[in-house]
Amino acid sequence: MTDTEVISMTPNAARRVAEIATKLGKDPVLRLSVEGGGCSGFQYRFGLADSIEAEDIQAQSEGASLVVDPISLDLVRGSAVDFVESLGGKSFKVTNPQAQAGCGCGSSFSV
């Protein structure tokens, strides 16, 4: 299922996923999941997906895909995934409209 209204990935993030996947010889599919923990209650986890499950929600951009499982989707619905470079380093960043608070590192949030 593809639905850019539910979750999206910026072209910049898609290019970075493709670069990483090419270096590792994998398909350009980034999996976003949410786990309990972090300094704000929940934390984002990113990794290249080994497979796309039938129930995953999928968004595509510039030949790369972002997949999210249904449980994690409840916490990131409406989000956009970007790849940013700053003085603090390079990382994937989630702009999550559901997050009511976050931490300084940007990898954890609360709802």
Protein backbone atom coordinates (compact mmCIF):
# COMPACT_ATOMS: atom_id res chain seq x y z
CA MET A 1 0.00 0.00 0.00
CA THR A 2 1.35 3.41 -0.96
CA ASP A 3 -0.02 6.52 0.69
CA THR A 4 2.00 9.73 0.79
CA GLU A 5 -0.67 11.33 3.01
CA VAL A 6 0.13 8.78 5.73
CA ILE A 7 3.94 8.96 5.66
CA SER A 8 6.46 10.49 3.26
CA MET A 9 10.16 10.61 2.47
CA THR A 10 11.91 13.66 1.05
CA PRO A 11 13.99 13.40 -2.12
CA ASN A 12 17.10 14.12 -0.01
CA ALA A 13 16.35 11.12 2.24
CA ALA A 14 15.61 8.95 -0.81
CA ARG A 15 18.99 9.80 -2.34
CA ARG A 16 20.77 8.91 0.91
CA VAL A 17 18.89 5.59 1.18
CA ALA A 18 19.93 4.79 -2.40
CA GLU A 19 23.58 5.64 -1.65
CA ILE A 20 23.67 3.41 1.44
CA ALA A 21 21.84 0.57 -0.31
CA THR A 22 24.21 0.69 -3.28
CA LYS A 23 27.27 0.47 -0.99
CA LEU A 24 25.75 -2.51 0.84
CA GLY A 25 24.36 -4.23 -2.25
CA LYS A 26 20.77 -4.07 -0.96
CA ASP A 27 17.46 -2.75 -2.23
CA PRO A 28 16.84 0.96 -1.46
CA VAL A 29 14.17 0.34 1.18
CA LEU A 30 14.38 2.20 4.49
CA ARG A 31 12.39 0.80 7.42
CA LEU A 32 11.22 3.24 10.09
CA SER A 33 10.03 1.72 13.34
CA VAL A 34 9.18 3.10 16.76
CA GLU A 35 10.30 1.49 20.02
CA GLY A 36 9.72 2.35 23.64
CA GLY A 37 12.69 4.09 25.24
CA GLY A 38 14.83 7.12 24.66
CA CYS A 39 14.74 10.18 26.86
CA SER A 40 11.21 11.17 25.79
CA GLY A 41 9.36 7.83 25.85
CA PHE A 42 9.61 6.58 22.24
CA GLN A 43 12.53 6.40 19.86
CA TYR A 44 12.86 6.11 16.10
CA ARG A 45 14.79 3.21 14.57
CA PHE A 46 16.05 3.21 10.98
CA GLY A 47 17.55 0.40 8.95
CA LEU A 48 17.53 -1.01 5.46
CA ALA A 49 14.64 -3.45 5.16
CA ASP A 50 15.41 -7.03 4.20
CA SER A 51 11.81 -7.46 3.08
CA ILE A 52 8.53 -5.58 2.76
CA GLU A 53 5.70 -7.21 4.67
CA ALA A 54 2.16 -7.29 3.26
CA GLU A 55 0.81 -5.07 6.05
CA ASP A 56 3.59 -2.44 5.78
CA ILE A 57 2.69 1.05 4.64
CA GLN A 58 5.03 2.16 1.88
CA ALA A 59 5.97 5.58 0.50
CA GLN A 60 8.24 6.10 -2.48
CA SER A 61 10.49 8.92 -3.58
CA GLU A 62 13.08 9.01 -6.37
CA GLY A 63 13.34 5.23 -6.67
CA ALA A 64 13.69 4.53 -2.94
CA SER A 65 11.01 3.31 -0.54
CA LEU A 66 10.14 4.01 3.08
CA VAL A 67 8.24 1.26 4.90
CA VAL A 68 6.53 1.42 8.28
CA ASP A 69 4.79 -1.39 10.16
CA PRO A 70 1.16 -0.76 11.24
CA ILE A 71 1.97 -0.53 14.97
CA SER A 72 4.70 2.09 14.44
CA LEU A 73 2.49 3.92 11.95
CA ASP A 74 0.04 4.83 14.71
CA LEU A 75 2.83 6.93 16.28
CA VAL A 76 4.25 8.47 13.07
CA ARG A 77 1.15 9.02 10.92
CA GLY A 78 1.52 12.23 8.91
CA SER A 79 5.30 12.34 9.36
CA ALA A 80 7.98 13.14 6.82
CA VAL A 81 11.43 11.54 6.87
CA ASP A 82 14.34 13.71 5.74
CA PHE A 83 18.13 13.38 5.71
CA VAL A 84 19.94 16.35 7.23
CA GLU A 85 23.56 17.39 7.54
CA SER A 86 24.51 19.84 10.28
CA LEU A 87 27.33 20.65 12.66
CA GLY A 88 25.98 17.85 14.86
CA GLY A 89 26.44 15.29 12.08
CA LYS A 90 24.38 13.55 9.42
CA SER A 91 21.17 11.72 10.21
CA PHE A 92 17.67 10.83 9.15
CA LYS A 93 15.16 13.16 10.79
CA VAL A 94 11.46 12.59 11.36
CA THR A 95 9.13 15.58 11.34
CA ASN A 96 6.27 14.11 13.35
CA PRO A 97 3.10 16.18 13.77
CA GLN A 98 1.96 13.85 16.57
CA ALA A 99 5.04 14.40 18.75
CA GLN A 100 4.20 16.69 21.65
CA ALA A 101 7.74 16.76 22.99
CA GLY A 102 11.15 15.67 21.80
CA CYS A 103 14.73 15.55 22.91
CA GLY A 104 17.71 17.55 21.80
CA CYS A 105 19.14 14.72 19.71
CA GLY A 106 15.89 14.39 17.72
CA SER A 107 15.75 10.61 17.98
CA SER A 108 13.13 10.32 20.69
CA PHE A 109 9.70 11.83 21.26
CA SER A 110 6.51 11.64 23.30
CA VAL A 111 2.88 11.78 22.25
